[in-house]
Protein backbone atom coordinates (compact mmCIF):
# COMPACT_ATOMS: atom_id res chain seq x y z
CA UNK A 1 -0.02 0.02 -0.03
CA UNK A 2 1.15 3.44 -1.06
CA UNK A 3 2.38 5.59 2.00
CA UNK A 4 1.57 9.20 2.00
CA UNK A 5 5.28 11.22 2.42
CA UNK A 6 4.61 15.12 3.48
CA UNK A 7 7.00 17.88 3.40
CA UNK A 8 6.33 20.72 5.62
CA UNK A 9 8.27 23.87 4.36
CA UNK A 10 8.54 26.15 7.68
CA UNK A 11 8.88 29.99 6.71
CA UNK A 12 7.85 32.56 9.17
CA UNK A 13 5.64 29.79 11.40
CA UNK A 14 8.05 28.86 13.74
CA UNK A 15 5.94 27.14 16.10
CA UNK A 16 3.87 23.87 17.27
CA UNK A 17 1.18 25.69 19.30
CA UNK A 18 -1.76 27.32 17.17
CA UNK A 19 -0.38 25.98 14.06
CA UNK A 20 -3.52 24.51 12.30
CA UNK A 21 -1.45 23.47 9.11
CA UNK A 22 1.16 21.33 11.00
CA UNK A 23 -1.88 19.84 12.63
CA UNK A 24 -3.33 18.89 9.38
CA UNK A 25 -0.17 17.45 8.16
CA UNK A 26 -0.26 15.29 11.15
CA UNK A 27 -3.29 14.05 10.06
CA UNK A 28 -2.97 13.37 6.47
CA UNK A 29 0.47 11.86 6.04
CA UNK A 30 2.32 8.40 7.14
CA UNK A 31 5.89 9.95 7.22
CA UNK A 32 6.81 13.66 7.35
CA UNK A 33 9.87 15.85 6.42
CA UNK A 34 10.10 19.31 8.41
CA UNK A 35 12.06 21.72 6.59
CA UNK A 36 13.73 25.71 6.82
CA UNK A 37 15.67 27.34 4.30
CA UNK A 38 17.60 29.99 5.55
CA UNK A 39 17.12 33.46 4.31
CA UNK A 40 19.30 34.62 1.60
CA UNK A 41 20.76 37.95 0.52
CA UNK A 42 19.23 38.04 -2.68
CA UNK A 43 20.81 40.57 -5.48
CA UNK A 44 18.07 42.69 -5.09
CA UNK A 45 18.67 42.97 -1.44
CA UNK A 46 22.47 43.29 -1.57
CA UNK A 47 22.18 45.91 -4.23
CA UNK A 48 19.49 48.13 -2.44
CA UNK A 49 20.89 47.48 1.05
CA UNK A 50 24.54 47.69 0.58
CA UNK A 51 25.37 45.11 2.86
CA UNK A 52 27.05 41.68 2.36
CA UNK A 53 25.45 39.82 5.11
CA UNK A 54 22.20 40.06 7.80
CA UNK A 55 23.02 41.72 11.00
CA UNK A 56 24.44 39.80 13.85
CA UNK A 57 21.30 40.24 16.07
CA UNK A 58 18.89 39.28 13.49
CA UNK A 59 21.12 36.02 12.86
CA UNK A 60 21.00 35.25 16.48
CA UNK A 61 17.48 35.52 17.02
CA UNK A 62 16.57 33.55 14.07
CA UNK A 63 19.01 30.90 15.23
CA UNK A 64 17.47 30.60 18.65
CA UNK A 65 14.14 30.54 16.98
CA UNK A 66 15.41 27.55 15.16
CA UNK A 67 16.84 25.56 17.69
CA UNK A 68 13.62 26.04 19.73
CA UNK A 69 11.50 24.78 17.06
CA UNK A 70 13.99 21.70 16.59
CA UNK A 71 13.66 21.04 20.57
CA UNK A 72 9.87 21.16 20.05
CA UNK A 73 9.94 18.56 16.91
CA UNK A 74 12.25 16.48 18.41
CA UNK A 75 9.84 15.92 21.50
CA UNK A 76 7.30 14.89 19.00
CA UNK A 77 9.63 12.41 17.45
CA UNK A 78 10.52 14.46 14.42
CA UNK A 79 13.47 16.28 13.03
CA UNK A 80 14.38 19.86 11.62
CA UNK A 81 16.27 19.83 8.32
CA UNK A 82 17.76 23.27 8.23
CA UNK A 83 19.23 24.49 4.48
CA UNK A 84 21.65 27.32 4.01
CA UNK A 85 20.36 27.74 0.42
CA UNK A 86 17.51 29.17 -1.51
CA UNK A 87 14.39 27.28 -1.11
CA UNK A 88 13.37 26.25 -4.30
CA UNK A 89 16.17 24.20 -5.51
CA UNK A 90 15.88 22.32 -2.03
CA UNK A 91 12.24 22.01 -2.10
CA UNK A 92 12.41 20.63 -5.78
CA UNK A 93 15.17 18.04 -4.96
CA UNK A 94 13.29 16.93 -1.64
CA UNK A 95 10.10 16.43 -3.47
CA UNK A 96 11.60 14.24 -6.27
CA UNK A 97 13.81 12.08 -4.20
CA UNK A 98 11.64 11.56 -1.34
CA UNK A 99 8.56 10.87 -3.43
CA UNK A 100 6.53 13.55 -1.71
CA UNK A 101 2.91 13.13 -2.12
CA UNK A 102 1.56 16.33 -0.06
CA UNK A 103 3.30 19.57 0.18
CA UNK A 104 2.41 22.00 3.47
CA UNK A 105 3.40 25.75 3.64
CA UNK A 106 2.27 29.21 5.22
CA UNK A 107 0.83 31.53 2.74
CA UNK A 108 3.46 34.11 2.72
CA UNK A 109 2.89 37.80 1.49
CA UNK A 110 6.29 37.68 -0.10
CA UNK A 111 6.29 37.81 -3.66
CA UNK A 112 9.37 35.48 -3.96
CA UNK A 113 8.04 32.99 -1.63
CA UNK A 114 4.82 32.56 -3.73
CA UNK A 115 6.74 32.72 -6.84
CA UNK A 116 8.83 29.81 -5.75
CA UNK A 117 5.65 27.91 -4.61
CA UNK A 118 3.96 28.45 -8.10
CA UNK A 119 6.83 27.07 -9.71
CA UNK A 120 6.66 23.98 -7.62
CA UNK A 121 2.96 23.44 -8.46
CA UNK A 122 3.94 23.59 -12.28
CA UNK A 123 6.91 21.33 -11.52
CA UNK A 124 4.93 18.66 -9.46
CA UNK A 125 1.40 18.82 -10.66
CA UNK A 126 0.79 15.34 -9.10
CA UNK A 127 1.62 16.88 -5.74
CA UNK A 128 -1.23 17.87 -3.41
CA UNK A 129 -0.12 21.44 -2.25
CA UNK A 130 -1.90 22.54 1.06
CA UNK A 131 -1.47 26.42 1.98
CA UNK A 132 -3.00 28.32 5.01
CA UNK A 133 -2.02 31.79 6.30
CA UNK A 134 -0.73 31.22 9.74
CA UNK A 135 0.08 34.47 11.02
CA UNK A 136 -3.31 36.42 10.40
CA UNK A 137 -6.21 37.15 12.48
CA UNK A 138 -8.51 36.24 9.18
CA UNK A 139 -8.33 33.82 6.52
CA UNK A 140 -9.05 34.70 2.98
CA UNK A 141 -12.54 33.37 3.09
CA UNK A 142 -13.51 35.44 6.03
CA UNK A 143 -12.57 38.93 4.72
CA UNK A 144 -15.99 40.58 3.71
CA UNK A 145 -14.26 41.71 0.13
CA UNK A 146 -12.38 40.21 -2.76
CA UNK A 147 -8.47 40.40 -2.15
CA UNK A 148 -8.42 42.30 -5.31
CA UNK A 149 -10.59 45.18 -3.82
CA UNK A 150 -8.60 45.60 -0.63
CA UNK A 151 -9.05 49.19 0.54
CA UNK A 152 -6.91 51.89 -0.38
CA UNK A 153 -6.46 53.20 3.44
CA UNK A 154 -6.03 51.27 6.66
CA UNK A 155 -8.87 53.08 8.18
CA UNK A 156 -11.38 51.86 5.52
CA UNK A 157 -10.08 48.26 6.04
CA UNK A 158 -10.41 48.27 9.66
CA UNK A 159 -14.24 49.63 9.29
CA UNK A 160 -14.72 46.41 7.39
CA UNK A 161 -13.11 43.70 9.45
CA UNK A 162 -13.55 45.26 13.01
CA UNK A 163 -16.30 42.97 13.46
CA UNK A 164 -15.71 39.83 11.43
CA UNK A 165 -15.33 36.78 13.98
CA UNK A 166 -11.76 35.48 14.81
CA UNK A 167 -11.05 32.02 15.22
CA UNK A 168 -10.02 30.62 18.58
CA UNK A 169 -6.57 29.60 19.14
CA UNK A 170 -5.67 25.90 18.35
CA UNK A 171 -4.06 23.87 20.95
CA UNK A 172 -0.71 22.52 20.90
CA UNK A 173 0.52 19.84 18.34
CA UNK A 174 1.16 16.76 20.27
CA UNK A 175 1.51 14.43 17.35
CA UNK A 176 3.57 14.11 14.14
CA UNK A 177 4.05 11.28 11.78
CA UNK A 178 7.44 9.68 11.82
CA UNK A 179 10.22 11.30 10.16
CA UNK A 180 10.92 10.24 6.47
CA UNK A 181 14.63 8.49 6.20
CA UNK A 182 16.57 10.86 4.35
CA UNK A 183 20.32 10.36 3.05
CA UNK A 184 21.12 14.00 3.78
CA UNK A 185 22.06 15.37 7.21
CA UNK A 186 22.16 18.90 8.08
CA UNK A 187 23.51 21.13 10.85
CA UNK A 188 21.72 24.06 12.20
CA UNK A 189 24.26 27.41 11.99
CA UNK A 190 26.50 27.77 14.94
CA UNK A 191 25.51 30.72 17.33
CA UNK A 192 28.07 33.30 17.43
CA UNK A 193 29.85 33.55 20.74
CA UNK A 194 29.96 37.46 20.45
CA UNK A 195 27.32 39.42 22.37
CA UNK A 196 23.83 39.35 21.01
CA UNK A 197 22.38 42.60 21.79
CA UNK A 198 21.74 44.64 24.61
CA UNK A 199 18.11 43.64 24.88
CA UNK A 200 18.17 40.21 26.80
CA UNK A 201 14.53 39.53 26.89
CA UNK A 202 14.56 39.40 22.80
CA UNK A 203 15.41 35.76 22.74
CA UNK A 204 14.34 33.86 19.90
CA UNK A 205 11.69 30.94 19.94
CA UNK A 206 8.19 29.80 20.54
CA UNK A 207 9.02 29.34 24.43
CA UNK A 208 10.36 32.69 24.87
CA UNK A 209 7.20 34.28 23.01
CA UNK A 210 4.82 32.67 25.20
CA UNK A 211 6.97 33.79 28.49
CA UNK A 212 6.87 37.26 27.01
CA UNK A 213 3.39 37.39 26.37
CA UNK A 214 2.24 35.94 29.68
CA UNK A 215 4.61 38.25 31.47
CA UNK A 216 3.41 41.00 29.54
CA UNK A 217 -0.43 40.36 30.39
CA UNK A 218 0.44 39.68 33.87
CA UNK A 219 1.12 43.22 34.62
CA UNK A 220 -0.70 46.36 33.95
CA UNK A 221 1.30 47.72 30.94
CA UNK A 222 -1.60 47.17 28.78
CA UNK A 223 -3.48 49.63 30.31
CA UNK A 224 -1.51 52.44 29.52
CA UNK A 225 0.01 51.31 26.49
CA UNK A 226 -1.23 54.00 24.49
CA UNK A 227 0.42 56.75 26.58
CA UNK A 228 3.70 55.03 26.49
CA UNK A 229 3.70 53.41 23.01
CA UNK A 230 5.81 56.23 21.48
CA UNK A 231 8.98 56.09 23.70
CA UNK A 232 11.80 55.75 22.08
CA UNK A 233 13.65 52.98 24.49
CA UNK A 234 12.31 51.01 27.28
CA UNK A 235 11.33 47.30 27.91
CA UNK A 236 7.55 48.03 28.86
CA UNK A 237 6.73 50.96 27.00
CA UNK A 238 5.41 48.82 24.20
CA UNK A 239 4.25 45.07 23.89
CA UNK A 240 7.63 44.21 22.26
CA UNK A 241 5.28 41.28 20.45
CA UNK A 242 6.80 42.22 16.78
CA UNK A 243 9.94 39.94 16.96
CA UNK A 244 8.31 37.00 17.76
CA UNK A 245 5.46 37.81 15.46
CA UNK A 246 7.55 38.21 12.31
CA UNK A 247 8.95 34.72 12.47
CA UNK A 248 5.36 33.19 13.70
CA UNK A 249 6.86 32.03 17.06
CA UNK A 250 3.42 33.18 18.31
CA UNK A 251 0.54 33.76 16.37
CA UNK A 252 -1.62 37.17 16.17
CA UNK A 253 -4.63 35.07 17.22
CA UNK A 254 -3.03 33.64 20.33
CA UNK A 255 -1.94 37.44 21.28
CA UNK A 256 -5.64 38.77 20.36
CA UNK A 257 -7.24 36.31 22.82
CA UNK A 258 -4.61 36.78 25.38
CA UNK A 259 -5.41 40.56 25.31
CA UNK A 260 -9.26 39.80 25.57
CA UNK A 261 -8.61 37.59 28.58
CA UNK A 262 -6.59 40.77 29.98
CA UNK A 263 -9.51 42.93 29.53
CA UNK A 264 -11.97 40.65 31.11
CA UNK A 265 -9.70 40.98 34.30
CA UNK A 266 -8.73 44.72 34.00
CA UNK A 267 -11.38 46.16 31.97
CA UNK A 268 -11.22 47.91 28.54
CA UNK A 269 -9.54 51.08 27.76
CA UNK A 270 -8.18 53.25 24.90
CA UNK A 271 -4.74 51.24 25.51
CA UNK A 272 -6.16 47.87 25.09
CA UNK A 273 -8.18 48.73 21.91
CA UNK A 274 -4.73 50.34 20.80
CA UNK A 275 -2.92 46.83 21.18
CA UNK A 276 -6.01 45.54 18.89
CA UNK A 277 -5.76 48.37 16.51
CA UNK A 278 -2.13 47.72 16.01
CA UNK A 279 -2.47 43.86 15.22
CA UNK A 280 -5.09 44.99 12.71
CA UNK A 281 -2.50 47.40 11.04
CA UNK A 282 -0.13 44.47 10.61
CA UNK A 283 -2.99 42.48 9.24
CA UNK A 284 -3.78 45.31 6.81
CA UNK A 285 -0.31 45.21 5.42
CA UNK A 286 -0.34 41.23 5.19
CA UNK A 287 -3.30 41.67 2.57
CA UNK A 288 -1.59 44.73 1.06
CA UNK A 289 1.50 42.59 0.07
CA UNK A 290 -0.68 39.55 -1.22
CA UNK A 291 -2.67 42.17 -3.22
CA UNK A 292 0.23 44.19 -4.54
CA UNK A 293 2.64 41.63 -5.24
CA UNK A 294 5.75 42.65 -6.92
CA UNK A 295 4.71 46.24 -6.63
CA UNK A 296 5.51 46.01 -2.83
CA UNK A 297 9.08 46.60 -3.98
CA UNK A 298 8.80 49.02 -6.77
CA UNK A 299 10.25 52.63 -6.66
CA UNK A 300 6.73 53.96 -7.58
CA UNK A 301 4.94 52.00 -4.89
CA UNK A 302 1.34 51.13 -5.84
CA UNK A 303 0.82 54.71 -7.14
CA UNK A 304 2.51 54.58 -10.34
CA UNK A 305 3.89 58.10 -9.62
CA UNK A 306 7.76 57.96 -8.65
CA UNK A 307 9.20 59.92 -5.87
CA UNK A 308 12.08 62.59 -6.62
CA UNK A 309 14.89 60.62 -5.09
CA UNK A 310 18.31 59.18 -5.93
CA UNK A 311 20.91 57.51 -4.35
CA UNK A 312 24.10 59.36 -2.69
CA UNK A 313 26.22 56.62 -1.32
CA UNK A 314 28.13 59.01 1.07
CA UNK A 315 24.59 59.89 2.86
CA UNK A 316 23.46 56.51 2.74
CA UNK A 317 26.62 55.39 4.46
CA UNK A 318 26.04 58.22 7.14
CA UNK A 319 22.76 56.99 7.83
CA UNK A 320 23.51 53.60 8.44
CA UNK A 321 26.53 54.27 10.54
CA UNK A 322 24.52 56.97 12.64
CA UNK A 323 26.67 59.83 11.19
CA UNK A 324 24.62 62.32 10.05
CA UNK A 325 23.83 65.96 11.19
CA UNK A 326 20.68 64.72 13.09
CA UNK A 327 21.42 63.20 16.78
CA UNK A 328 17.94 61.88 17.33
CA UNK A 329 18.50 59.76 13.85
CA UNK A 330 22.03 58.62 14.50
CA UNK A 331 21.08 57.56 17.83
CA UNK A 332 18.05 55.41 16.15
CA UNK A 333 20.46 53.93 13.77
CA UNK A 334 23.00 52.96 16.46
CA UNK A 335 20.56 51.30 18.19
CA UNK A 336 19.34 49.36 15.33
CA UNK A 337 22.71 48.40 14.26
CA UNK A 338 23.55 47.16 17.97
CA UNK A 339 20.48 45.08 18.62
CA UNK A 340 18.23 44.74 15.89
CA UNK A 341 15.48 46.44 17.32
CA UNK A 342 13.91 49.92 16.73
CA UNK A 343 10.87 51.44 18.33
CA UNK A 344 8.02 52.44 16.23
CA UNK A 345 8.54 56.13 16.53
CA UNK A 346 12.37 55.52 15.88
CA UNK A 347 11.51 53.87 12.61
CA UNK A 348 9.30 56.70 11.59
CA UNK A 349 11.98 59.21 12.38
CA UNK A 350 14.94 57.25 10.66
CA UNK A 351 13.00 56.60 7.59
CA UNK A 352 11.59 60.21 7.40
CA UNK A 353 14.96 61.47 7.65
CA UNK A 354 16.01 59.11 4.96
CA UNK A 355 13.60 60.27 2.73
CA UNK A 356 13.17 63.81 3.35
CA UNK A 357 16.30 65.29 4.72
CA UNK A 358 18.50 63.03 2.83
CA UNK A 359 16.66 62.75 -0.35
CA UNK A 360 17.31 58.97 -0.52
CA UNK A 361 15.58 56.26 -2.91
CA UNK A 362 13.21 54.69 0.09
CA UNK A 363 13.76 50.95 -1.32
CA UNK A 364 17.48 51.52 0.32
CA UNK A 365 16.33 52.25 3.51
CA UNK A 366 13.50 49.30 3.60
CA UNK A 367 16.20 46.68 2.15
CA UNK A 368 18.53 47.88 4.87
CA UNK A 369 15.92 47.36 7.79
CA UNK A 370 15.41 44.12 6.12
CA UNK A 371 18.80 42.88 6.69
CA UNK A 372 19.12 44.63 10.24
CA UNK A 373 15.72 44.14 12.03
CA UNK A 374 15.02 40.97 14.05
CA UNK A 375 11.29 41.58 13.44
CA UNK A 376 11.27 42.22 9.99
CA UNK A 377 8.27 41.25 8.34
CA UNK A 378 8.13 41.63 4.39
CA UNK A 379 4.68 43.13 3.81
CA UNK A 380 4.89 45.55 7.03
CA UNK A 381 8.38 46.63 6.53
CA UNK A 382 8.18 47.53 3.10
CA UNK A 383 4.36 48.57 3.03
CA UNK A 384 5.18 50.91 5.92
CA UNK A 385 8.27 52.37 3.85
CA UNK A 386 5.79 53.07 0.99
CA UNK A 387 3.32 54.84 3.33
CA UNK A 388 5.94 57.15 4.74
CA UNK A 389 7.73 57.57 1.10
CA UNK A 390 4.02 58.66 -0.23
CA UNK A 391 3.93 55.92 -2.78
CA UNK A 392 1.71 53.56 -0.56
CA UNK A 393 -1.54 53.36 1.43
CA UNK A 394 -1.77 56.98 2.45
CA UNK A 395 -3.69 59.64 0.31
CA UNK A 396 -1.88 62.40 1.77
CA UNK A 397 1.53 61.74 0.17
CA UNK A 398 4.85 61.50 1.87
CA UNK A 399 5.11 62.08 5.60
CA UNK A 400 8.00 64.10 7.11
CA UNK A 401 8.77 64.81 10.68
CA UNK A 402 10.29 67.60 12.13
CA UNK A 403 13.33 66.07 13.81
CA UNK A 404 14.14 68.90 16.40
CA UNK A 405 10.43 69.00 17.53
CA UNK A 406 10.36 65.17 17.54
CA UNK A 407 13.47 65.29 19.89
CA UNK A 408 11.84 68.12 22.06
CA UNK A 409 8.68 65.83 22.49
CA UNK A 410 10.59 62.21 23.16
CA UNK A 411 13.87 62.86 24.17
CA UNK A 412 13.84 66.44 25.83
CA UNK A 413 16.59 65.53 28.23
CA UNK A 414 18.74 63.74 25.57
CA UNK A 415 18.84 60.53 27.51
CA UNK A 416 18.22 58.21 24.31
CA UNK A 417 20.72 60.46 22.36
CA UNK A 418 23.60 60.12 24.95
CA UNK A 419 23.04 56.42 25.56
CA UNK A 420 23.11 55.61 21.95
CA UNK A 421 25.81 57.81 21.22
CA UNK A 422 23.69 60.15 18.76
CA UNK A 423 25.91 63.42 18.96
CA UNK A 424 28.00 63.56 15.56
CA UNK A 425 30.73 66.06 14.47
CA UNK A 426 28.85 65.82 10.91
CA UNK A 427 27.48 69.12 10.42
CA UNK A 428 26.42 68.94 6.92
CA UNK A 429 24.56 66.45 4.89
CA UNK A 430 27.53 66.00 2.33
CA UNK A 431 31.21 66.32 2.28
CA UNK A 432 32.46 68.05 -1.06
CA UNK A 433 33.68 65.41 -3.62
CA UNK A 434 33.24 66.17 -7.27
CA UNK A 435 33.19 62.51 -8.01
CA UNK A 436 30.53 61.53 -5.68
CA UNK A 437 27.46 61.88 -7.94
CA UNK A 438 24.07 60.62 -7.27
CA UNK A 439 23.04 57.30 -8.74
CA UNK A 440 19.61 56.91 -10.03
CA UNK A 441 17.87 53.83 -10.53
CA UNK A 442 14.82 52.76 -12.68
CA UNK A 443 12.32 50.08 -11.70
């Protein structure tokens, strides 16, 4: 009797709790192969980020997340195979060599991931492909509109979906089919012995994610979230859920219901509403990425109108290294390089400076953030950069922040600037260099 062989491609769903797709695989196949392919610095990303590798903090956080998932799978009698290669050739070889009958993967908002999945479906039409959105509040069928008619602004989207029922989180997967015997053996990347970062509570993995969320909601921090969320620093000023959400170590559904439980104990207010509001903001950009596909990375965004910008290598280098004439921005960039994390307010200030004061092509900033952020999410990152650059989901056009006023509001004593060494001797945007002409890129 023929046996069903399943291949589960983990992407940003690195968990065994509230993982409906993994539970489905457990019930449908006799043998299972669990695979993760490390993110690669593609030519596009290398070109626009001007980096040769991902940030150290990002690498650490991902490795910790994979080690935690590996342990969870081993306790269920499974193995996690990690490849440091582009996903398509790896998956293609595994499907062919292991006679895979069922293929499971999260429905990513990323264009490259979806293109690779389409190519596999064409290459192996006989394989049953099962996909599911693992990191959303709603499924595609729950949306009260067709995806092609996704609202042009977040507010319109929020008004349509706020009353849609959110499914209950599923319990932890307690059984998995036996692993398919394979000739290949793979090892996880070794953790560096260098300091990870200065935020010790950002430990990767599902175990740390659950602990962090339980700790957060066991205090009263959620009740004053709206008043503190714009602070530039501090462990409890914002929820800090985003690193684990980005890798799928915890689902937004799980967080939503923990929020509801908290409100049942301590009551609702504007702050608790705002946490749910920001889960919806994240949700909007997931569907935004699904709808706009390749346009998520286009210079003209979704508007078809290109901004007036260019690429000045010296300005870009100064921004990355925290050496611009703007201390608040320098502090933000120094924090990002060191920790792999930046507050929401800090991201807006750094991006506004990049687009407005420095006059740079927004894609370079978005690409650098992709290489550096431990909570990088393809749709949220590129969609929010489009939003700020005036080529995305904002009818008002580009947003510019007054950096001096923002400093007075959020760092009046310059504590953040001093902590992250934001002062610079650079008093002008450019130094004089006759050969340093701006570089202009077309789509």
